[in-house]
Amino acid sequence: MKPQKLVYWLSTILLCLVFIYSAQMYFFNTELIKGFFEQLNYPTYIVIPLAMLKVLGVIMILWRKNSWLTEWAYAGFFFDLILATVAHQYAGHRLGLSVIAIPILFVSYFLGKKVRPNN
């Protein structure tokens, strides 16, 4: 396997694992996550829809049959990571997984354009 393709797949799998982990936390620890959302001044009614969108985004990034939807999945993940980083910074929390995932997202996105053809 070519190095670019290997880096693409590693970054994409890492990115997808971050969002699957996040979605499962939203589904299975909903009350805890709603408490975090309240602390960050986000509405709590978006917890479950956001979890579903994260799962759908992972599916679109891995499936990659519709380039338009794949682009929106990456965009949604980017906005989610930026807003999570800003919210945690504003709340005085340590910077964590969202900050680490931003460069991983960029690597996956830009290498994906080179390595995987658009259908």
Foldseek 3Di string as FASTA:
>chain_A
DDPLVVLLVVLLVVLLVVLLVQLVCCVVVVVVVLVVCVLLVHHSVCSNVSSVLSNVLNVCCVVQQAVVSVVVSLVVLLVVLVVVQVSCVVSVHDRDDSVVSNVSSVSNVVSCPVPPPHD
